[in-house]
Protein backbone atom coordinates (compact mmCIF):
# COMPACT_ATOMS: atom_id res chain seq x y z
CA MET A 1 50.90 79.86 -29.72
CA GLU A 2 51.66 81.99 -32.80
CA PRO A 3 52.26 85.28 -31.53
CA GLU A 4 48.97 86.77 -33.63
CA LEU A 5 47.37 84.26 -31.77
CA VAL A 6 47.84 86.29 -28.33
CA PRO A 7 45.12 88.76 -28.70
CA GLN A 8 42.51 86.06 -29.68
CA LEU A 9 43.51 84.57 -26.29
CA ILE A 10 43.12 87.48 -24.28
CA ALA A 11 40.23 88.76 -26.18
CA GLN A 12 38.27 85.43 -25.06
CA ILE A 13 39.69 85.52 -21.37
CA ALA A 14 38.82 88.67 -21.33
CA LEU A 15 34.85 87.65 -21.92
CA ALA A 16 34.64 86.01 -18.72
CA ASP A 17 36.94 88.44 -16.82
CA PRO A 18 37.57 91.80 -17.83
CA ARG A 19 40.44 92.75 -15.73
CA VAL A 20 42.67 90.99 -18.42
CA ARG A 21 41.63 93.65 -20.54
CA ARG A 22 44.20 96.57 -21.56
CA GLU A 23 42.49 99.44 -22.94
CA ASP A 24 45.91 101.64 -23.49
CA PRO A 25 47.48 101.00 -26.69
CA THR A 26 51.00 100.74 -25.25
CA GLU A 27 49.98 98.93 -22.38
CA ARG A 28 48.33 96.49 -24.60
CA ARG A 29 51.13 95.73 -27.08
CA ALA A 30 53.43 94.97 -24.06
CA MET A 31 51.33 92.71 -22.56
CA ILE A 32 51.02 90.79 -26.04
CA LEU A 33 54.31 90.63 -26.28
CA MET A 34 54.98 89.56 -22.62
CA TRP A 35 52.28 86.52 -23.38
CA ALA A 36 53.68 85.42 -26.40
CA GLY A 37 57.33 84.94 -25.28
CA ILE A 38 55.81 83.09 -22.19
CA LEU A 39 53.24 80.74 -24.17
CA THR A 40 55.56 80.33 -27.07
CA ASP A 41 55.54 76.55 -26.53
CA VAL A 42 52.06 76.25 -25.57
CA PRO A 43 48.79 75.17 -28.35
CA TYR A 44 46.39 78.14 -28.47
CA ASP A 45 43.36 75.29 -27.88
CA PHE A 46 45.47 74.14 -24.56
CA ALA A 47 46.00 77.54 -23.26
CA LEU A 48 41.92 78.56 -24.14
CA GLN A 49 41.12 75.16 -22.23
CA ALA A 50 43.72 75.93 -19.01
CA ALA A 51 42.10 79.29 -19.14
CA GLN A 52 38.34 78.06 -18.90
CA ALA A 53 39.75 75.53 -16.47
CA HIS A 54 41.66 78.11 -14.35
CA TYR A 55 37.95 80.45 -13.85
CA ALA A 56 36.36 77.17 -13.22
CA HIS A 57 37.63 77.29 -9.53
CA SER A 58 39.35 80.45 -9.25
CA GLN A 59 37.89 84.65 -9.20
CA TRP A 60 41.33 85.39 -9.26
CA PRO A 61 42.78 86.74 -12.60
CA ILE A 62 44.78 84.64 -14.43
CA VAL A 63 48.04 85.21 -15.45
CA PRO A 64 50.32 83.39 -18.30
CA ALA A 65 52.08 81.48 -15.84
CA ASP A 66 49.13 79.59 -14.85
CA ILE A 67 48.98 78.75 -18.61
CA ALA A 68 52.33 77.71 -18.90
CA GLY A 69 52.43 75.51 -15.58
CA ARG A 70 49.72 73.78 -16.58
CA TRP A 71 51.10 72.82 -19.89
CA GLN A 72 54.45 72.08 -18.47
CA THR A 73 52.48 69.38 -15.70
CA THR A 74 51.01 67.70 -19.17
CA VAL A 75 54.25 67.68 -20.95
CA ARG A 76 55.70 65.85 -17.79
CA ASP A 77 52.77 63.19 -17.48
CA ARG A 78 52.57 62.58 -21.22
CA MET A 79 56.58 62.04 -21.55
CA ASN A 80 57.12 59.78 -18.25
CA ARG A 81 54.22 57.92 -19.59
CA HIS A 82 56.09 57.42 -22.97
CA ASN A 83 58.98 54.45 -23.04
CA GLY A 84 60.89 56.50 -25.86
CA THR A 85 61.46 53.86 -27.46
CA PHE A 86 61.99 53.96 -31.77
CA GLU A 87 60.21 51.43 -33.65
CA PRO A 88 62.21 50.87 -36.81
CA THR A 89 59.25 49.02 -38.91
CA ALA A 90 56.63 52.02 -38.22
CA HIS A 91 59.31 54.33 -40.51
CA PRO A 92 59.70 51.45 -43.41
CA GLU A 93 60.92 54.85 -45.77
CA LEU A 94 63.91 55.44 -43.86
CA ASP A 95 67.20 54.16 -44.71
CA PRO A 96 68.92 51.90 -41.58
CA ASP A 97 71.84 54.24 -42.57
CA ASP A 98 69.97 57.77 -42.96
CA VAL A 99 70.81 59.35 -39.07
CA ASN A 100 69.32 62.69 -39.91
CA GLY A 101 66.65 60.94 -40.91
CA TYR A 102 65.90 58.85 -37.60
CA LEU A 103 66.50 62.19 -35.78
CA ASP A 104 64.02 64.16 -37.54
CA ALA A 105 61.57 60.86 -36.85
CA LEU A 106 62.22 60.20 -33.65
CA ARG A 107 61.60 64.05 -33.07
CA ASP A 108 58.54 64.45 -34.71
CA GLU A 109 57.07 60.93 -32.49
CA ARG A 110 58.33 62.78 -29.50
CA GLN A 111 56.42 65.83 -30.45
CA ALA A 112 53.29 64.11 -31.03
CA VAL A 113 53.47 62.83 -27.89
CA VAL A 114 54.07 65.97 -26.48
CA HIS A 115 50.62 67.47 -28.27
CA GLY A 116 48.37 65.22 -27.97
CA HIS A 117 48.84 63.86 -31.48
CA ALA A 118 49.94 60.27 -30.60
CA ALA A 119 48.98 58.12 -27.78
CA PRO A 120 52.46 57.83 -25.08
CA SER A 121 53.44 54.28 -25.45
CA ALA A 122 53.43 53.11 -22.69
CA VAL A 123 55.18 49.23 -23.25
CA LYS A 124 56.87 49.75 -19.62
CA ALA A 125 53.17 48.51 -19.09
CA ILE A 126 54.19 44.81 -19.77
CA THR A 127 56.62 44.65 -16.52
CA ALA A 128 53.26 45.36 -14.10
CA GLY A 129 51.94 42.08 -14.36
CA PRO A 130 51.36 39.26 -12.04
CA ALA A 131 54.38 37.90 -13.04
CA ALA A 132 56.21 41.12 -12.66
CA GLU A 133 57.55 40.29 -8.55
CA GLU A 134 59.05 37.06 -9.83
CA ALA A 135 60.47 38.62 -12.64
CA ALA A 136 62.31 40.99 -11.19
CA ARG A 137 63.24 38.62 -9.13
CA ARG A 138 65.13 36.89 -10.94
CA LEU A 139 66.20 39.52 -12.97
CA GLU A 140 68.06 41.16 -9.75
CA GLN A 141 69.30 37.46 -9.31
CA LEU A 142 70.68 37.58 -12.76
CA GLY A 143 71.79 40.90 -13.37
CA SER A 144 70.59 40.98 -16.84
CA TYR A 145 67.98 41.14 -19.94
CA VAL A 146 70.97 38.98 -22.23
CA PRO A 147 69.31 35.77 -23.16
CA ARG A 148 71.27 32.94 -21.50
CA GLN A 149 72.64 32.23 -24.94
CA VAL A 150 74.45 35.06 -25.07
CA ASP A 151 75.58 34.60 -21.97
CA GLU A 152 76.61 31.50 -21.89
CA LEU A 153 78.96 32.35 -25.44
CA LEU A 154 80.68 35.72 -23.17
CA ASP A 155 81.36 33.11 -20.18
CA LYS A 156 84.63 32.35 -21.46
CA TYR A 157 85.76 35.93 -21.44
CA ARG A 158 83.99 36.60 -18.00
CA PRO A 159 85.53 33.76 -15.72
CA GLN A 160 83.82 35.32 -11.83
CA LYS A 161 80.15 36.05 -13.51
CA ALA A 162 79.82 32.65 -15.06
CA ALA A 163 80.32 31.13 -11.75
CA ARG A 164 78.21 33.03 -10.05
CA ARG A 165 74.93 32.40 -12.68
CA ALA A 166 75.72 29.03 -12.57
CA ALA A 167 75.86 29.00 -8.83
CA ILE A 168 72.38 30.86 -8.95
CA LEU A 169 70.81 28.69 -11.45
CA ALA A 170 71.99 25.51 -9.71
CA GLY A 171 70.06 26.96 -7.04
CA GLN A 172 73.31 27.70 -4.36
CA PRO A 173 73.84 30.65 -2.81
CA ASP A 174 75.82 33.66 -4.45
CA ALA A 175 79.35 33.26 -2.68
CA LEU A 176 79.55 37.46 -3.64
CA SER A 177 76.46 38.25 -1.99
CA VAL A 178 78.52 38.65 1.39
CA ALA A 179 81.79 39.62 2.04
CA CYS A 180 85.18 37.60 2.00
CA GLY A 181 86.49 37.12 5.64
CA TYR A 182 89.60 34.86 3.99
CA CYS A 183 90.81 38.12 1.56
CA ASN A 184 88.58 40.71 2.67
CA ALA A 185 86.78 41.16 -1.12
CA PRO A 186 83.69 43.24 -0.33
CA VAL A 187 80.49 42.34 -1.98
CA GLY A 188 80.22 41.89 -5.26
CA GLN A 189 83.96 41.57 -5.50
CA PRO A 190 85.44 38.49 -7.06
CA CYS A 191 88.25 36.93 -4.21
CA ARG A 192 91.36 37.90 -5.05
CA ILE A 193 94.75 36.49 -4.74
CA ASN A 194 96.95 38.26 -2.16
CA ARG A 195 101.18 37.96 -2.49
CA ILE A 196 104.33 40.55 -2.11
CA ASP A 197 105.76 41.31 -5.30
CA ALA A 198 109.45 41.50 -5.47
CA ALA A 199 109.43 45.40 -4.37
CA GLY A 200 107.55 43.89 -1.42
CA GLY A 201 104.24 45.85 -1.83
CA LEU A 202 100.47 44.25 -1.65
CA ALA A 203 99.68 42.55 -5.71
CA ARG A 204 96.26 40.85 -5.80
CA ARG A 205 94.83 39.52 -8.98
CA PRO A 206 91.20 37.83 -8.90
CA ARG A 207 90.60 34.11 -8.91
CA THR A 208 87.71 32.52 -10.30
CA THR A 209 85.85 31.37 -8.02
CA PRO A 210 85.38 32.13 -4.81
CA HIS A 211 87.14 30.48 -1.76
CA PRO A 212 85.58 27.83 0.33
CA SER A 213 84.87 29.40 3.21
CA ARG A 214 82.90 32.61 1.59
CA VAL A 215 80.73 29.57 0.08
CA ASP A 216 79.92 28.82 3.58
CA ASP A 217 79.58 32.00 4.84
CA ALA A 218 76.82 32.45 2.15
CA ARG A 219 75.05 29.66 2.29
CA HIS A 220 74.38 30.04 6.09
CA THR A 221 73.75 33.77 5.39
CA ALA A 222 71.22 32.90 3.02
CA TRP A 223 69.97 30.05 5.55
CA THR A 224 69.58 32.68 8.27
CA ALA A 225 67.56 34.49 6.09
CA GLN A 226 65.11 32.26 4.63
CA ALA A 227 64.62 31.21 8.42
CA ASP A 228 63.64 34.17 9.90
CA LYS A 229 61.37 34.58 6.63
CA THR A 230 59.48 31.05 7.97
CA GLY A 231 60.35 31.56 11.19
CA ASP A 232 61.62 28.24 10.83
CA THR A 233 64.49 28.59 13.91
CA THR A 234 65.45 24.62 14.00
């Protein structure tokens, strides 16, 4: 809010509550400066509506913190519903290499949402449909939004992850979901080859495939969990 609008706001509030009016010029000037500093980010129209909402439910004199608090809550709600994703096609005038232009456009977009000039872009709601539970389950198993074609191109650089994903896609249990009792690899970490180096210390390097005993343990764990879920213990 511009400082010159604060006296007008106080005058409007005083029509509902004369207690906020200051007759002494010095006190009135100090009050205006204090309110202006607290309400610097709050639009005038919102401040007036906040005052009206306050006196609709309270007989206590309003203070600037009441207005600022309502504004902060409103901004937080709007931004929580805004995914913040910048859509370049909405700004064809921008050069792809214009970093400053991109930042200015992103800042203007968010300010428009904050001040209510644009609706929040809640694209995240797509994940709340009927298939959300299944999508979440598959994502938890596969661990990525990366398309399968891209994953396959990267497989030769990360053989452990490739083997893990292949097992899941084949309907087999994820061996890395349990610890390995043979090499003591923890959950989520690949099995390893343990050996004694020339200095007598323990040296380890990862295996590209899990130990067979770990695969058996994962299969047994998955079977037990499924049996507990269905009640079938036979």
